[in-house]
Each structure stands twice: as C-alpha cells, then as structure tokens.
Amino acid sequence: MTNPPPATTEPVPGLTHPIPPPPATHPAPEQRVSRSTHPVPERVPRFTHPVLGRVPRWGSVTDPGRGASALSTAPRPTVSAPTALGGWVVVTGGIAFLLGRPALGGTAMAVPLLAAGYLALGAAALAVGTTGGERGARAPLGWMVVLGIGLAGVVGAVGVGGPVADRRVGVVAGGLALVAAVAEEALFRRVVYDRLLRFGVVGAVAGSAVVFALVHLPAYGVAAMPVDLGAALLLSWQRYASGRWTVPAVTHAVANLLAVT
C-alpha cells in the first residue's frame, strides 16, 4: 500500500502568499457600566442667622428688627481728617467765645455781639460733620419721654439757683436766651459729645457735662457750679437717651426762658 501524494495549494493569481485563515473569535465579555464607588461629598451648609435663618453680611450678624449690628468685626466709623480738624476748631473757638462772655457783658454792644457770637457758634457747630458713632443704634427711650423727664427736672430745680439773667432787657433777653441755648447744645451735645463717643457713652455723657459746667464757671461763679453740673448731666443724659441733640436743646431753651421771665 502506497501513501497518497501530499496535497498542494494552488496559488491564487495576483497573490504570492496563501490567504491566512481568519483569527479565532471569542465572545466579548458583557460590559457593564458601573457607578463610581467614591462617596459624593456633601454640600457645606451656608452659615445663617440662628434665629432669622437668613445669611448675614460678611463680618456681621445683624438683626433687622433692631437696626443695629449685634456682632460685627467691621471697623468703627471714622471721620475724615479735615472734618475732625474742623470739629476741634469749632470746639476751641466756641469755648473761647463762651469764656469771654463776662468781658462782653460790660460793653455797650453786649447784646449785638453776644447775638452774633451765638449765631456764628450755632451755624459752625451744625456745619461740622459727625463721626457717625451712633449710626444705626436705637435710642434707649423715646424722645418724648426723655423730653418730659428733662422738663420736669428743670421746673423742679428752677428755684434752687443757677444763672440769673439781666431782666431789664425783657424780650431781647428772651430771644438771646433761646439762641444761646440752641448754640450751646449744638456745640456740647452735638460736636463735643460726638467726639467723646470714642471713650464710650459714659465718657461722652460725663465729659460733655464737665466741659459745659467749667465753661459756665466764669460767668456764674463757683456757687452755681453744682447746679450747672447737674443741669449739664441731665442734658447729656437726654442726648444719650433720645439719640438726638435737639431734645436737650429744647430743655435748655425752656430753662433759659424760665430764668429771664
């Protein structure tokens, strides 16, 4: 028995090599899209007011009902250098004028000079800007209550002592007393009080009252010093309790009118 001859592969025209068989294919594994196993970070909650549930401004936690900052890291309000300098110039000039009143009282032009001085002092004190130290703060008491307490105190102390005006000038003295009251309160309870607020409310109340009493010492003497100091403390307290300088101005004006009538 003879073996068959080996099989030969006839070449395909145009090809020099035999066509290789196709590669073996295997079924592709099932591809599944899986979600990431990393935990999703939670969102950081926004810092909110503990009571109102509102997001406060940066650096402060405010209470809109009060209108004042309960906790603030913001800097205190400051006044510009020209305004601060102008304020102290008005204070110095006003105190010099008030200390020189006894010298003007003995001249024939006393009334016109005093009237012009009070008007100029009041205008300058109102023109000076304030530092805004009490901006946004609510006054402890309403202005009507504070005014009533001040007027009651003035009426109760009218007979104790204090400055005595020249009653011979009549109506002129009344008008001059009103102008003097407004000008002095604009100086002491608006400008001086505002500048002393950097030392706190107690420093502003006590400091403006002491300066007021000392300025009136040459005009009314040492005997009137306790009354002047007590009245000044009442007026400065009114400035704090009402939050405005006009309330002590009204009280001061009534006190001056009671002194010349």
Protein backbone atom coordinates (compact mmCIF):
# COMPACT_ATOMS: atom_id res chain seq x y z
CA MET A 1 0.00 0.00 0.00
CA THR A 2 1.39 3.32 -1.01
CA ASN A 3 0.87 6.73 0.67
CA PRO A 4 -1.08 9.36 -1.22
CA PRO A 5 0.91 12.31 -2.50
CA PRO A 6 0.84 15.48 -0.34
CA ALA A 7 -1.79 17.99 -1.11
CA THR A 8 -0.62 21.13 -2.79
CA THR A 9 -2.16 24.56 -2.63
CA GLU A 10 -2.54 26.17 -5.91
CA PRO A 11 -1.60 29.83 -5.85
CA VAL A 12 -4.27 32.37 -6.48
CA PRO A 13 -3.49 34.63 -9.35
CA GLY A 14 -2.27 38.05 -8.10
CA LEU A 15 -1.28 36.75 -4.64
CA THR A 16 2.10 35.43 -3.69
CA HIS A 17 1.08 34.07 -0.28
CA PRO A 18 -1.82 31.94 0.76
CA ILE A 19 -4.69 33.68 2.48
CA PRO A 20 -4.30 33.12 6.21
CA PRO A 21 -7.33 31.78 7.98
CA PRO A 22 -9.37 34.33 9.93
CA PRO A 23 -8.38 34.65 13.57
CA ALA A 24 -10.40 32.84 16.12
CA THR A 25 -13.04 35.00 17.70
CA HIS A 26 -14.28 34.73 21.21
CA PRO A 27 -17.45 36.21 22.55
CA ALA A 28 -16.73 39.62 24.15
CA PRO A 29 -17.50 39.72 27.82
CA GLU A 30 -20.57 41.65 28.73
CA GLN A 31 -19.55 45.20 29.53
CA ARG A 32 -21.42 46.82 32.34
CA VAL A 33 -21.30 50.48 33.23
CA SER A 34 -20.90 50.73 36.93
CA ARG A 35 -21.34 53.88 39.00
CA SER A 36 -18.41 55.33 40.84
CA THR A 37 -17.93 53.89 44.26
CA HIS A 38 -16.44 57.13 45.64
CA PRO A 39 -18.82 58.89 48.03
CA VAL A 40 -20.23 62.15 46.77
CA PRO A 41 -19.11 64.96 49.10
CA GLU A 42 -21.94 66.63 50.92
CA ARG A 43 -22.57 70.30 50.34
CA VAL A 44 -21.44 72.55 53.15
CA PRO A 45 -24.48 74.34 54.56
CA ARG A 46 -24.48 78.11 54.40
CA PHE A 47 -23.93 80.00 57.61
CA THR A 48 -27.23 81.51 58.61
CA HIS A 49 -28.56 83.63 61.41
CA PRO A 50 -29.52 81.33 64.31
CA VAL A 51 -32.90 82.98 64.74
CA LEU A 52 -33.86 84.58 61.48
CA GLY A 53 -32.44 81.85 59.22
CA ARG A 54 -31.02 84.48 56.91
CA VAL A 55 -27.49 84.70 55.54
CA PRO A 56 -25.82 87.66 57.28
CA ARG A 57 -23.40 90.07 55.73
CA TRP A 58 -19.72 89.27 55.80
CA GLY A 59 -18.25 90.08 59.18
CA SER A 60 -21.51 90.72 60.99
CA VAL A 61 -24.63 89.10 62.33
CA THR A 62 -27.37 91.67 62.12
CA ASP A 63 -30.86 91.88 63.43
CA PRO A 64 -33.00 93.91 61.00
CA GLY A 65 -35.62 94.38 63.70
CA ARG A 66 -33.20 96.31 65.87
CA GLY A 67 -31.40 98.05 63.04
CA ALA A 68 -28.05 97.61 64.77
CA SER A 69 -25.22 95.16 64.48
CA ALA A 70 -25.29 92.57 67.25
CA LEU A 71 -21.85 91.23 66.36
CA SER A 72 -19.55 92.95 63.93
CA THR A 73 -15.90 92.83 63.02
CA ALA A 74 -16.18 95.89 60.82
CA PRO A 75 -14.13 98.91 61.85
CA ARG A 76 -15.83 101.70 63.71
CA PRO A 77 -17.00 104.60 61.63
CA THR A 78 -14.31 107.23 61.34
CA VAL A 79 -14.38 110.84 60.30
CA SER A 80 -12.09 112.33 57.69
CA ALA A 81 -9.10 114.38 58.79
CA PRO A 82 -10.46 117.74 57.53
CA THR A 83 -13.78 117.14 59.27
CA ALA A 84 -12.08 116.14 62.52
CA LEU A 85 -9.85 119.20 62.40
CA GLY A 86 -12.80 121.44 61.67
CA GLY A 87 -14.69 119.97 64.60
CA TRP A 88 -11.94 120.71 67.07
CA VAL A 89 -11.52 124.20 65.64
CA VAL A 90 -15.22 124.85 66.29
CA VAL A 91 -14.94 123.42 69.80
CA THR A 92 -11.92 125.57 70.62
CA GLY A 93 -13.44 128.73 69.17
CA GLY A 94 -16.80 128.11 70.83
CA ILE A 95 -15.27 127.56 74.26
CA ALA A 96 -13.16 130.70 73.86
CA PHE A 97 -16.26 132.72 72.99
CA LEU A 98 -18.26 131.35 75.93
CA LEU A 99 -15.41 132.02 78.35
CA GLY A 100 -15.20 135.61 77.10
CA ARG A 101 -18.87 136.42 77.67
CA PRO A 102 -18.31 138.21 81.01
CA ALA A 103 -15.99 140.67 79.26
CA LEU A 104 -18.59 141.39 76.59
CA GLY A 105 -21.35 141.90 79.13
CA GLY A 106 -19.94 145.22 80.33
CA THR A 107 -19.84 146.87 76.90
CA ALA A 108 -22.47 148.94 75.16
CA MET A 109 -22.55 146.47 72.26
CA ALA A 110 -23.00 143.46 74.52
CA VAL A 111 -26.35 142.29 73.12
CA PRO A 112 -25.46 142.55 69.41
CA LEU A 113 -22.04 140.98 69.99
CA LEU A 114 -23.49 138.12 72.01
CA ALA A 115 -26.24 137.56 69.46
CA ALA A 116 -23.75 137.50 66.60
CA GLY A 117 -21.46 135.19 68.54
CA TYR A 118 -24.24 132.72 69.36
CA LEU A 119 -25.47 132.69 65.77
CA ALA A 120 -21.97 132.09 64.42
CA LEU A 121 -21.33 129.38 67.02
CA GLY A 122 -24.57 127.58 66.25
CA ALA A 123 -24.03 127.72 62.50
CA ALA A 124 -20.46 126.42 62.81
CA ALA A 125 -21.49 123.60 65.16
CA LEU A 126 -24.23 122.49 62.78
CA ALA A 127 -21.94 122.64 59.76
CA VAL A 128 -19.37 120.29 61.26
CA GLY A 129 -19.77 116.66 60.31
CA THR A 130 -20.09 113.91 62.89
CA THR A 131 -18.21 110.62 63.13
CA GLY A 132 -21.38 108.52 62.91
CA GLY A 133 -20.56 106.57 66.07
CA GLU A 134 -24.21 106.10 66.89
CA ARG A 135 -25.37 105.42 63.35
CA GLY A 136 -27.92 102.64 63.28
CA ALA A 137 -28.25 102.48 67.08
CA ARG A 138 -31.67 102.72 68.66
CA ALA A 139 -32.14 105.20 71.48
CA PRO A 140 -32.97 103.59 74.84
CA LEU A 141 -36.06 105.76 75.28
CA GLY A 142 -38.38 107.67 73.01
CA TRP A 143 -37.62 111.35 72.61
CA MET A 144 -40.98 112.42 74.08
CA VAL A 145 -40.36 110.52 77.31
CA VAL A 146 -36.85 111.92 77.60
CA LEU A 147 -38.07 115.45 76.91
CA GLY A 148 -40.78 115.13 79.56
CA ILE A 149 -38.27 113.96 82.16
CA GLY A 150 -35.96 116.85 81.32
CA LEU A 151 -38.68 119.48 81.51
CA ALA A 152 -39.91 118.09 84.81
CA GLY A 153 -36.39 118.28 86.21
CA VAL A 154 -35.92 121.86 85.03
CA VAL A 155 -39.21 123.03 86.51
CA GLY A 156 -38.43 121.28 89.79
CA ALA A 157 -34.96 122.83 90.07
CA VAL A 158 -35.79 126.33 88.83
CA GLY A 159 -35.76 127.79 92.32
CA VAL A 160 -32.57 126.08 93.51
CA GLY A 161 -30.16 128.55 91.91
CA GLY A 162 -28.10 128.97 88.80
CA PRO A 163 -27.54 131.76 86.31
CA VAL A 164 -29.57 134.92 86.70
CA ALA A 165 -30.16 136.91 83.52
CA ASP A 166 -30.48 140.67 83.24
CA ARG A 167 -34.26 141.09 83.35
CA ARG A 168 -34.07 144.75 82.25
CA VAL A 169 -33.72 143.85 78.59
CA GLY A 170 -37.04 141.93 78.53
CA VAL A 171 -37.90 140.42 75.16
CA VAL A 172 -34.36 140.82 73.90
CA ALA A 173 -33.11 138.68 76.78
CA GLY A 174 -35.70 136.04 75.92
CA GLY A 175 -34.61 135.87 72.30
CA LEU A 176 -30.96 135.86 73.27
CA ALA A 177 -31.60 133.07 75.77
CA LEU A 178 -33.20 130.91 73.07
CA VAL A 179 -30.34 131.46 70.63
CA ALA A 180 -27.79 130.78 73.36
CA ALA A 181 -29.48 127.51 74.34
CA VAL A 182 -29.56 126.16 70.79
CA ALA A 183 -25.97 127.25 70.04
CA GLU A 184 -24.58 125.75 73.25
CA GLU A 185 -26.37 122.46 72.77
CA ALA A 186 -25.22 122.24 69.16
CA LEU A 187 -21.67 122.67 70.45
CA PHE A 188 -21.70 120.47 73.55
CA ARG A 189 -24.34 117.84 72.81
CA ARG A 190 -23.66 117.53 69.08
CA VAL A 191 -19.95 118.19 68.44
CA VAL A 192 -18.27 117.59 71.82
CA TYR A 193 -20.48 114.60 72.66
CA ASP A 194 -19.82 113.05 69.27
CA ARG A 195 -16.05 113.46 69.59
CA LEU A 196 -16.07 111.89 73.07
CA LEU A 197 -18.01 108.81 71.97
CA ARG A 198 -14.71 107.06 71.25
CA PHE A 199 -14.42 106.72 75.05
CA GLY A 200 -17.87 105.17 75.36
CA VAL A 201 -21.27 106.53 76.28
CA VAL A 202 -20.28 107.20 79.90
CA GLY A 203 -17.25 109.17 78.76
CA ALA A 204 -19.34 111.18 76.31
CA VAL A 205 -22.07 111.98 78.85
CA ALA A 206 -19.73 112.83 81.72
CA GLY A 207 -17.11 114.58 79.59
CA SER A 208 -19.52 116.89 77.77
CA ALA A 209 -21.24 117.72 81.08
CA VAL A 210 -17.99 118.61 82.86
CA VAL A 211 -16.79 120.81 79.99
CA PHE A 212 -20.19 122.56 79.92
CA ALA A 213 -20.06 123.29 83.66
CA LEU A 214 -16.47 124.54 83.56
CA VAL A 215 -17.20 126.88 80.65
CA HIS A 216 -20.03 128.49 82.63
CA LEU A 217 -17.88 128.94 85.73
CA PRO A 218 -16.51 132.42 84.86
CA ALA A 219 -19.98 133.75 84.07
CA TYR A 220 -21.92 132.41 87.06
CA GLY A 221 -19.29 131.69 89.72
CA VAL A 222 -18.44 128.76 91.93
CA ALA A 223 -21.77 128.99 93.78
CA ALA A 224 -23.65 127.97 90.63
CA MET A 225 -21.21 125.16 89.79
CA PRO A 226 -23.29 122.32 91.37
CA VAL A 227 -26.42 123.49 89.58
CA ASP A 228 -24.59 123.90 86.28
CA LEU A 229 -23.04 120.43 86.58
CA GLY A 230 -26.37 118.83 87.50
CA ALA A 231 -28.12 120.54 84.59
CA ALA A 232 -25.30 119.52 82.24
CA LEU A 233 -25.56 115.88 83.32
CA LEU A 234 -29.30 115.97 82.70
CA LEU A 235 -28.82 117.46 79.23
CA SER A 236 -26.09 114.99 78.31
CA TRP A 237 -28.23 112.10 79.53
CA GLN A 238 -31.04 113.37 77.33
CA ARG A 239 -28.66 113.33 74.40
CA TYR A 240 -27.86 109.69 75.05
CA ALA A 241 -31.36 108.52 75.93
CA SER A 242 -33.09 110.23 73.00
CA GLY A 243 -30.33 109.78 70.43
CA ARG A 244 -30.59 113.40 69.26
CA TRP A 245 -29.19 116.72 70.38
CA THR A 246 -32.40 118.67 69.74
CA VAL A 247 -34.11 117.21 72.83
CA PRO A 248 -31.62 118.73 75.30
CA ALA A 249 -31.73 121.92 73.22
CA VAL A 250 -35.46 122.27 73.93
CA THR A 251 -34.91 121.57 77.63
CA HIS A 252 -32.09 124.11 77.75
CA ALA A 253 -34.20 126.72 75.99
CA VAL A 254 -37.06 126.26 78.46
CA ALA A 255 -34.62 126.57 81.37
CA ASN A 256 -33.22 129.80 79.95
CA LEU A 257 -36.70 131.23 79.41
CA LEU A 258 -37.65 130.42 82.99
CA ALA A 259 -34.53 132.27 84.15
CA VAL A 260 -35.46 135.53 82.34
CA THR A 261 -39.21 135.59 82.97
